[in-house]
Amino acid sequence: DLWSLIAFPPLLLLVGLVQLAYCDLVRRLLPKALVYALSAAVIVSGIAIASVMHEWQRLMVASIGGVAFFALFFLINLVNPRWMGFGDVRLSLVVGFGLAWVSWVALIEGLFFANLLAVIVGFCLIAAHKAHRGSAVPFGLYLALGTALVLVTWS
């Protein structure tokens, strides 16, 4: 089915994000090798599918989305590295590409849900006295969860 082939890059992203979310939760680290491997796999699959199915518009939107997401995260890191680790910045490129491959709306929803989940969990941890206002948050985990939520529920 042609639709299932178009869905391959976001599904590949989803599979890779499971491992990365686990790493960020347990080690508070997004390993460069895993992020780069996932980025290469998702982006190359997008290029291959675009060339076979003539989905150049989708590829362009996904590329712009990935670069825009990366630029946003890079800017946040540049303003204050304590707000956003560079592992999250690296991950943002492939997340932006995968979400924008689906739709611009999916990209915005993914960012919204990632931030919403981080805020909810952060407040719960503060209320349970497991964290305080200045505690570091492994944002890659929430970026992965927000992305997964959007990709799984997207219709």
N, C-alpha and C. Protein backbone atom coordinates (compact mmCIF):
# COMPACT_ATOMS: atom_id res chain seq x y z
N ASP A 1 0.85 -1.19 0.00
CA ASP A 1 0.00 0.00 0.00
C ASP A 1 0.88 1.24 0.00
N LEU A 2 0.52 2.22 -0.80
CA LEU A 2 1.32 3.43 -0.91
C LEU A 2 1.32 4.24 0.38
N TRP A 3 0.19 4.29 1.07
CA TRP A 3 0.14 5.06 2.30
C TRP A 3 1.08 4.49 3.35
N SER A 4 1.19 3.16 3.43
CA SER A 4 2.07 2.58 4.43
C SER A 4 3.53 2.91 4.13
N LEU A 5 3.90 3.05 2.87
CA LEU A 5 5.26 3.43 2.51
C LEU A 5 5.54 4.87 2.93
N ILE A 6 4.59 5.75 2.76
CA ILE A 6 4.75 7.15 3.17
C ILE A 6 4.88 7.25 4.69
N ALA A 7 4.26 6.34 5.42
CA ALA A 7 4.31 6.36 6.88
C ALA A 7 5.62 5.83 7.44
N PHE A 8 6.50 5.32 6.59
CA PHE A 8 7.73 4.68 7.08
C PHE A 8 8.65 5.61 7.87
N PRO A 9 8.99 6.82 7.39
CA PRO A 9 9.89 7.67 8.18
C PRO A 9 9.37 8.00 9.59
N PRO A 10 8.10 8.39 9.76
CA PRO A 10 7.63 8.64 11.13
C PRO A 10 7.61 7.36 12.00
N LEU A 11 7.30 6.23 11.38
CA LEU A 11 7.30 4.98 12.16
C LEU A 11 8.72 4.60 12.58
N LEU A 12 9.67 4.80 11.71
CA LEU A 12 11.07 4.57 12.02
C LEU A 12 11.51 5.51 13.15
N LEU A 13 11.08 6.75 13.09
CA LEU A 13 11.36 7.72 14.15
C LEU A 13 10.80 7.22 15.48
N LEU A 14 9.58 6.75 15.45
CA LEU A 14 8.91 6.27 16.67
C LEU A 14 9.70 5.13 17.31
N VAL A 15 10.15 4.19 16.51
CA VAL A 15 10.92 3.05 17.03
C VAL A 15 12.23 3.54 17.66
N GLY A 16 12.92 4.44 16.99
CA GLY A 16 14.18 4.96 17.53
C GLY A 16 14.00 5.78 18.79
N LEU A 17 12.89 6.49 18.88
CA LEU A 17 12.65 7.33 20.05
C LEU A 17 12.42 6.51 21.32
N VAL A 18 11.97 5.28 21.18
CA VAL A 18 11.78 4.43 22.35
C VAL A 18 13.11 4.24 23.07
N GLN A 19 14.15 3.87 22.33
CA GLN A 19 15.47 3.67 22.93
C GLN A 19 16.04 4.98 23.48
N LEU A 20 15.90 6.05 22.72
CA LEU A 20 16.44 7.33 23.16
C LEU A 20 15.73 7.86 24.41
N ALA A 21 14.42 7.68 24.47
CA ALA A 21 13.66 8.11 25.66
C ALA A 21 14.14 7.34 26.89
N TYR A 22 14.36 6.05 26.72
CA TYR A 22 14.86 5.23 27.83
C TYR A 22 16.23 5.71 28.29
N CYS A 23 17.12 5.97 27.34
CA CYS A 23 18.46 6.47 27.68
C CYS A 23 18.38 7.79 28.43
N ASP A 24 17.52 8.70 27.97
CA ASP A 24 17.41 10.00 28.61
C ASP A 24 16.82 9.88 30.01
N LEU A 25 15.87 8.98 30.18
CA LEU A 25 15.26 8.78 31.49
C LEU A 25 16.26 8.19 32.48
N VAL A 26 16.97 7.15 32.06
CA VAL A 26 17.86 6.43 32.96
C VAL A 26 19.20 7.13 33.15
N ARG A 27 19.78 7.62 32.06
CA ARG A 27 21.13 8.18 32.13
C ARG A 27 21.18 9.70 31.98
N ARG A 28 20.02 10.31 31.68
CA ARG A 28 19.96 11.76 31.41
C ARG A 28 20.97 12.12 30.32
N LEU A 29 20.96 11.28 29.29
CA LEU A 29 21.91 11.44 28.19
C LEU A 29 21.28 10.90 26.92
N LEU A 30 21.45 11.64 25.83
CA LEU A 30 21.03 11.17 24.51
C LEU A 30 22.31 10.87 23.73
N PRO A 31 22.68 9.59 23.63
CA PRO A 31 23.95 9.25 22.98
C PRO A 31 24.01 9.74 21.53
N LYS A 32 25.11 10.44 21.21
CA LYS A 32 25.29 11.01 19.87
C LYS A 32 25.13 9.95 18.80
N ALA A 33 25.75 8.80 19.00
CA ALA A 33 25.71 7.75 17.97
C ALA A 33 24.28 7.33 17.67
N LEU A 34 23.45 7.17 18.70
CA LEU A 34 22.06 6.79 18.49
C LEU A 34 21.27 7.89 17.80
N VAL A 35 21.49 9.13 18.22
CA VAL A 35 20.77 10.25 17.61
C VAL A 35 21.17 10.39 16.14
N TYR A 36 22.46 10.29 15.84
CA TYR A 36 22.93 10.41 14.46
C TYR A 36 22.44 9.24 13.60
N ALA A 37 22.45 8.04 14.16
CA ALA A 37 21.98 6.87 13.40
C ALA A 37 20.49 7.00 13.09
N LEU A 38 19.71 7.42 14.09
CA LEU A 38 18.28 7.59 13.87
C LEU A 38 18.03 8.70 12.86
N SER A 39 18.75 9.80 12.98
CA SER A 39 18.59 10.91 12.03
C SER A 39 18.89 10.45 10.61
N ALA A 40 19.98 9.74 10.44
CA ALA A 40 20.35 9.26 9.11
C ALA A 40 19.29 8.31 8.55
N ALA A 41 18.83 7.38 9.37
CA ALA A 41 17.84 6.40 8.91
C ALA A 41 16.53 7.07 8.50
N VAL A 42 16.04 7.99 9.33
CA VAL A 42 14.76 8.64 9.05
C VAL A 42 14.87 9.56 7.83
N ILE A 43 15.92 10.36 7.78
CA ILE A 43 16.06 11.31 6.68
C ILE A 43 16.34 10.61 5.36
N VAL A 44 17.22 9.59 5.37
CA VAL A 44 17.50 8.84 4.13
C VAL A 44 16.24 8.11 3.66
N SER A 45 15.48 7.55 4.60
CA SER A 45 14.24 6.87 4.19
C SER A 45 13.26 7.89 3.59
N GLY A 46 13.22 9.10 4.15
CA GLY A 46 12.36 10.14 3.59
C GLY A 46 12.78 10.53 2.18
N ILE A 47 14.07 10.66 1.96
CA ILE A 47 14.59 11.00 0.63
C ILE A 47 14.27 9.88 -0.36
N ALA A 48 14.48 8.63 0.06
CA ALA A 48 14.21 7.49 -0.82
C ALA A 48 12.73 7.41 -1.18
N ILE A 49 11.87 7.57 -0.21
CA ILE A 49 10.43 7.50 -0.46
C ILE A 49 9.98 8.67 -1.33
N ALA A 50 10.52 9.85 -1.06
CA ALA A 50 10.17 11.02 -1.88
C ALA A 50 10.58 10.80 -3.33
N SER A 51 11.73 10.18 -3.55
CA SER A 51 12.19 9.98 -4.93
C SER A 51 11.38 8.90 -5.64
N VAL A 52 11.00 7.86 -4.93
CA VAL A 52 10.21 6.79 -5.54
C VAL A 52 8.77 7.22 -5.80
N MET A 53 8.20 7.95 -4.84
CA MET A 53 6.78 8.30 -4.92
C MET A 53 6.54 9.75 -5.36
N HIS A 54 7.60 10.44 -5.70
CA HIS A 54 7.51 11.84 -6.14
C HIS A 54 6.84 12.72 -5.08
N GLU A 55 7.22 12.51 -3.85
CA GLU A 55 6.70 13.28 -2.71
C GLU A 55 7.67 14.41 -2.36
N TRP A 56 8.04 15.21 -3.36
CA TRP A 56 9.03 16.27 -3.15
C TRP A 56 8.50 17.36 -2.24
N GLN A 57 7.23 17.65 -2.32
CA GLN A 57 6.63 18.66 -1.44
C GLN A 57 6.72 18.21 0.02
N ARG A 58 6.39 16.96 0.26
CA ARG A 58 6.45 16.41 1.62
C ARG A 58 7.89 16.45 2.15
N LEU A 59 8.85 16.10 1.29
CA LEU A 59 10.26 16.12 1.68
C LEU A 59 10.70 17.55 2.00
N MET A 60 10.26 18.50 1.20
CA MET A 60 10.64 19.89 1.44
C MET A 60 10.06 20.39 2.77
N VAL A 61 8.79 20.08 3.02
CA VAL A 61 8.15 20.50 4.27
C VAL A 61 8.86 19.84 5.46
N ALA A 62 9.17 18.56 5.34
CA ALA A 62 9.86 17.85 6.43
C ALA A 62 11.24 18.43 6.67
N SER A 63 11.95 18.76 5.60
CA SER A 63 13.29 19.34 5.74
C SER A 63 13.23 20.71 6.41
N ILE A 64 12.28 21.53 5.99
CA ILE A 64 12.12 22.85 6.60
C ILE A 64 11.72 22.70 8.06
N GLY A 65 10.82 21.77 8.34
CA GLY A 65 10.40 21.52 9.72
C GLY A 65 11.56 21.08 10.60
N GLY A 66 12.40 20.18 10.09
CA GLY A 66 13.56 19.72 10.84
C GLY A 66 14.53 20.84 11.13
N VAL A 67 14.82 21.65 10.12
CA VAL A 67 15.75 22.77 10.29
C VAL A 67 15.16 23.82 11.24
N ALA A 68 13.86 24.09 11.11
CA ALA A 68 13.21 25.08 11.98
C ALA A 68 13.23 24.61 13.44
N PHE A 69 12.93 23.34 13.66
CA PHE A 69 12.94 22.78 15.01
C PHE A 69 14.35 22.86 15.59
N PHE A 70 15.35 22.47 14.78
CA PHE A 70 16.74 22.53 15.21
C PHE A 70 17.13 23.97 15.55
N ALA A 71 16.75 24.92 14.70
CA ALA A 71 17.09 26.33 14.94
C ALA A 71 16.47 26.83 16.24
N LEU A 72 15.23 26.47 16.50
CA LEU A 72 14.56 26.87 17.74
C LEU A 72 15.30 26.32 18.96
N PHE A 73 15.59 25.02 18.94
CA PHE A 73 16.27 24.40 20.07
C PHE A 73 17.70 24.93 20.22
N PHE A 74 18.38 25.17 19.10
CA PHE A 74 19.73 25.70 19.14
C PHE A 74 19.73 27.09 19.76
N LEU A 75 18.74 27.90 19.39
CA LEU A 75 18.63 29.25 19.94
C LEU A 75 18.41 29.20 21.45
N ILE A 76 17.54 28.31 21.90
CA ILE A 76 17.30 28.16 23.34
C ILE A 76 18.59 27.77 24.05
N ASN A 77 19.33 26.81 23.46
CA ASN A 77 20.61 26.38 24.04
C ASN A 77 21.62 27.51 24.03
N LEU A 78 21.62 28.30 22.99
CA LEU A 78 22.56 29.41 22.87
C LEU A 78 22.28 30.49 23.92
N VAL A 79 21.01 30.77 24.16
CA VAL A 79 20.62 31.77 25.16
C VAL A 79 21.04 31.32 26.55
N ASN A 80 20.74 30.06 26.88
CA ASN A 80 21.13 29.53 28.19
C ASN A 80 21.23 28.01 28.10
N PRO A 81 22.44 27.46 28.06
CA PRO A 81 22.61 26.00 27.94
C PRO A 81 21.97 25.20 29.07
N ARG A 82 21.70 25.84 30.21
CA ARG A 82 21.02 25.13 31.31
C ARG A 82 19.57 24.85 30.98
N TRP A 83 18.99 25.63 30.08
CA TRP A 83 17.59 25.43 29.71
C TRP A 83 17.41 24.25 28.77
N MET A 84 18.40 23.98 27.94
CA MET A 84 18.27 22.94 26.91
C MET A 84 19.65 22.36 26.64
N GLY A 85 19.80 21.05 26.92
CA GLY A 85 21.07 20.40 26.63
C GLY A 85 21.27 20.20 25.14
N PHE A 86 22.54 20.03 24.72
CA PHE A 86 22.78 19.92 23.29
C PHE A 86 22.32 18.58 22.72
N GLY A 87 22.17 17.57 23.56
CA GLY A 87 21.59 16.31 23.08
C GLY A 87 20.16 16.53 22.58
N ASP A 88 19.41 17.35 23.29
CA ASP A 88 18.05 17.69 22.87
C ASP A 88 18.07 18.48 21.57
N VAL A 89 19.06 19.34 21.42
CA VAL A 89 19.20 20.12 20.18
C VAL A 89 19.46 19.17 19.01
N ARG A 90 20.39 18.22 19.19
CA ARG A 90 20.69 17.24 18.13
C ARG A 90 19.43 16.46 17.75
N LEU A 91 18.69 16.02 18.77
CA LEU A 91 17.49 15.20 18.54
C LEU A 91 16.40 15.99 17.83
N SER A 92 16.36 17.29 18.04
CA SER A 92 15.29 18.11 17.47
C SER A 92 15.25 18.06 15.95
N LEU A 93 16.38 17.90 15.30
CA LEU A 93 16.41 17.87 13.83
C LEU A 93 15.57 16.72 13.29
N VAL A 94 15.82 15.51 13.79
CA VAL A 94 15.09 14.35 13.27
C VAL A 94 13.64 14.34 13.74
N VAL A 95 13.38 14.83 14.96
CA VAL A 95 12.00 14.91 15.44
C VAL A 95 11.22 15.91 14.58
N GLY A 96 11.82 17.05 14.30
CA GLY A 96 11.18 18.04 13.45
C GLY A 96 10.92 17.50 12.06
N PHE A 97 11.89 16.78 11.50
CA PHE A 97 11.74 16.19 10.18
C PHE A 97 10.58 15.18 10.18
N GLY A 98 10.58 14.27 11.16
CA GLY A 98 9.57 13.22 11.22
C GLY A 98 8.16 13.75 11.44
N LEU A 99 8.03 14.74 12.32
CA LEU A 99 6.71 15.31 12.57
C LEU A 99 6.23 16.14 11.38
N ALA A 100 7.13 16.94 10.79
CA ALA A 100 6.73 17.75 9.64
C ALA A 100 6.47 16.88 8.41
N TRP A 101 7.07 15.68 8.37
CA TRP A 101 6.76 14.73 7.29
C TRP A 101 5.27 14.42 7.30
N VAL A 102 4.71 14.35 8.51
CA VAL A 102 3.28 14.08 8.66
C VAL A 102 2.50 15.36 8.34
N SER A 103 2.87 16.47 8.99
CA SER A 103 2.14 17.73 8.80
C SER A 103 2.79 18.82 9.65
N TRP A 104 2.61 20.08 9.24
CA TRP A 104 3.04 21.20 10.07
C TRP A 104 2.30 21.18 11.40
N VAL A 105 1.04 20.81 11.35
CA VAL A 105 0.23 20.76 12.58
C VAL A 105 0.81 19.71 13.53
N ALA A 106 1.25 18.58 13.00
CA ALA A 106 1.85 17.54 13.84
C ALA A 106 3.12 18.07 14.51
N LEU A 107 3.89 18.86 13.80
CA LEU A 107 5.11 19.45 14.36
C LEU A 107 4.78 20.35 15.55
N ILE A 108 3.80 21.20 15.38
CA ILE A 108 3.39 22.11 16.46
C ILE A 108 2.80 21.33 17.63
N GLU A 109 1.98 20.32 17.33
CA GLU A 109 1.40 19.50 18.40
C GLU A 109 2.48 18.75 19.16
N GLY A 110 3.47 18.23 18.46
CA GLY A 110 4.55 17.50 19.13
C GLY A 110 5.29 18.39 20.12
N LEU A 111 5.59 19.61 19.72
CA LEU A 111 6.26 20.55 20.62
C LEU A 111 5.36 20.91 21.79
N PHE A 112 4.09 21.13 21.50
CA PHE A 112 3.13 21.46 22.57
C PHE A 112 3.04 20.33 23.60
N PHE A 113 2.85 19.10 23.13
CA PHE A 113 2.69 17.98 24.06
C PHE A 113 3.97 17.68 24.82
N ALA A 114 5.13 17.86 24.19
CA ALA A 114 6.39 17.66 24.90
C ALA A 114 6.50 18.63 26.08
N ASN A 115 6.20 19.89 25.83
CA ASN A 115 6.27 20.89 26.89
C ASN A 115 5.20 20.66 27.95
N LEU A 116 3.99 20.31 27.51
CA LEU A 116 2.91 20.05 28.47
C LEU A 116 3.26 18.88 29.39
N LEU A 117 3.76 17.79 28.82
CA LEU A 117 4.14 16.63 29.63
C LEU A 117 5.26 16.99 30.60
N ALA A 118 6.25 17.75 30.15
CA ALA A 118 7.35 18.15 31.02
C ALA A 118 6.85 19.01 32.19
N VAL A 119 5.92 19.90 31.92
CA VAL A 119 5.38 20.77 32.97
C VAL A 119 4.56 19.94 33.97
N ILE A 120 3.70 19.07 33.46
CA ILE A 120 2.86 18.25 34.36
C ILE A 120 3.73 17.37 35.26
N VAL A 121 4.68 16.66 34.65
CA VAL A 121 5.56 15.78 35.45
C VAL A 121 6.40 16.61 36.41
N GLY A 122 6.90 17.75 35.94
CA GLY A 122 7.69 18.63 36.81
C GLY A 122 6.91 19.09 38.03
N PHE A 123 5.67 19.52 37.81
CA PHE A 123 4.83 19.94 38.94
C PHE A 123 4.56 18.78 39.89
N CYS A 124 4.31 17.60 39.35
CA CYS A 124 4.07 16.43 40.20
C CYS A 124 5.31 16.07 41.03
N LEU A 125 6.49 16.15 40.42
CA LEU A 125 7.73 15.87 41.15
C LEU A 125 7.98 16.91 42.24
N ILE A 126 7.68 18.17 41.94
CA ILE A 126 7.84 19.22 42.95
C ILE A 126 6.85 19.01 44.09
N ALA A 127 5.60 18.67 43.75
CA ALA A 127 4.58 18.43 44.78
C ALA A 127 4.94 17.23 45.66
N ALA A 128 5.60 16.22 45.06
CA ALA A 128 6.00 15.03 45.81
C ALA A 128 7.35 15.22 46.50
N HIS A 129 7.91 16.41 46.40
CA HIS A 129 9.22 16.73 46.98
C HIS A 129 10.34 15.85 46.44
N LYS A 130 10.21 15.45 45.18
CA LYS A 130 11.25 14.67 44.50
C LYS A 130 12.14 15.57 43.65
N ALA A 131 11.72 16.83 43.48
CA ALA A 131 12.48 17.80 42.69
C ALA A 131 12.14 19.18 43.22
N HIS A 132 12.91 20.16 42.76
CA HIS A 132 12.61 21.55 43.11
C HIS A 132 12.57 22.36 41.83
N ARG A 133 12.23 23.62 41.97
CA ARG A 133 12.01 24.48 40.81
C ARG A 133 13.21 24.54 39.86
N GLY A 134 14.41 24.44 40.35
CA GLY A 134 15.61 24.53 39.51
C GLY A 134 16.15 23.19 39.03
N SER A 135 15.44 22.11 39.31
CA SER A 135 15.92 20.78 38.91
C SER A 135 15.97 20.63 37.40
N ALA A 136 16.98 19.91 36.94
CA ALA A 136 17.11 19.62 35.51
C ALA A 136 16.05 18.62 35.09
N VAL A 137 15.54 18.79 33.88
CA VAL A 137 14.51 17.92 33.33
C VAL A 137 15.07 17.26 32.08
N PRO A 138 15.01 15.93 31.98
CA PRO A 138 15.50 15.27 30.76
C PRO A 138 14.51 15.48 29.61
N PHE A 139 14.64 16.62 28.92
CA PHE A 139 13.63 17.02 27.95
C PHE A 139 13.52 16.06 26.76
N GLY A 140 14.60 15.36 26.42
CA GLY A 140 14.54 14.40 25.32
C GLY A 140 13.45 13.35 25.55
N LEU A 141 13.28 12.96 26.80
CA LEU A 141 12.21 12.02 27.16
C LEU A 141 10.85 12.59 26.79
N TYR A 142 10.61 13.84 27.15
CA TYR A 142 9.31 14.46 26.88
C TYR A 142 9.13 14.77 25.40
N LEU A 143 10.22 15.09 24.73
CA LEU A 143 10.17 15.30 23.29
C LEU A 143 9.78 13.99 22.60
N ALA A 144 10.36 12.89 23.07
CA ALA A 144 10.01 11.58 22.51
C ALA A 144 8.56 11.22 22.82
N LEU A 145 8.12 11.46 24.05
CA LEU A 145 6.74 11.13 24.42
C LEU A 145 5.73 12.00 23.67
N GLY A 146 6.01 13.29 23.55
CA GLY A 146 5.12 14.18 22.81
C GLY A 146 5.03 13.79 21.34
N THR A 147 6.17 13.44 20.77
CA THR A 147 6.21 13.00 19.38
C THR A 147 5.45 11.70 19.21
N ALA A 148 5.67 10.76 20.12
CA ALA A 148 4.97 9.47 20.05
C ALA A 148 3.46 9.66 20.17
N LEU A 149 3.04 10.53 21.07
CA LEU A 149 1.62 10.80 21.25
C LEU A 149 1.00 11.32 19.96
N VAL A 150 1.69 12.24 19.30
CA VAL A 150 1.18 12.80 18.05
C VAL A 150 1.17 11.74 16.94
N LEU A 151 2.27 10.99 16.81
CA LEU A 151 2.35 10.00 15.73
C LEU A 151 1.35 8.86 15.90
N VAL A 152 1.12 8.44 17.14
CA VAL A 152 0.20 7.34 17.38
C VAL A 152 -1.25 7.77 17.20
N THR A 153 -1.56 9.01 17.53
CA THR A 153 -2.95 9.47 17.45
C THR A 153 -3.27 10.18 16.15
N TRP A 154 -2.26 10.45 15.31
CA TRP A 154 -2.51 11.19 14.08
C TRP A 154 -3.38 10.37 13.13
N SER A 155 -4.37 11.02 12.54
CA SER A 155 -5.23 10.28 11.59
C SER A 155 -5.25 10.96 10.26
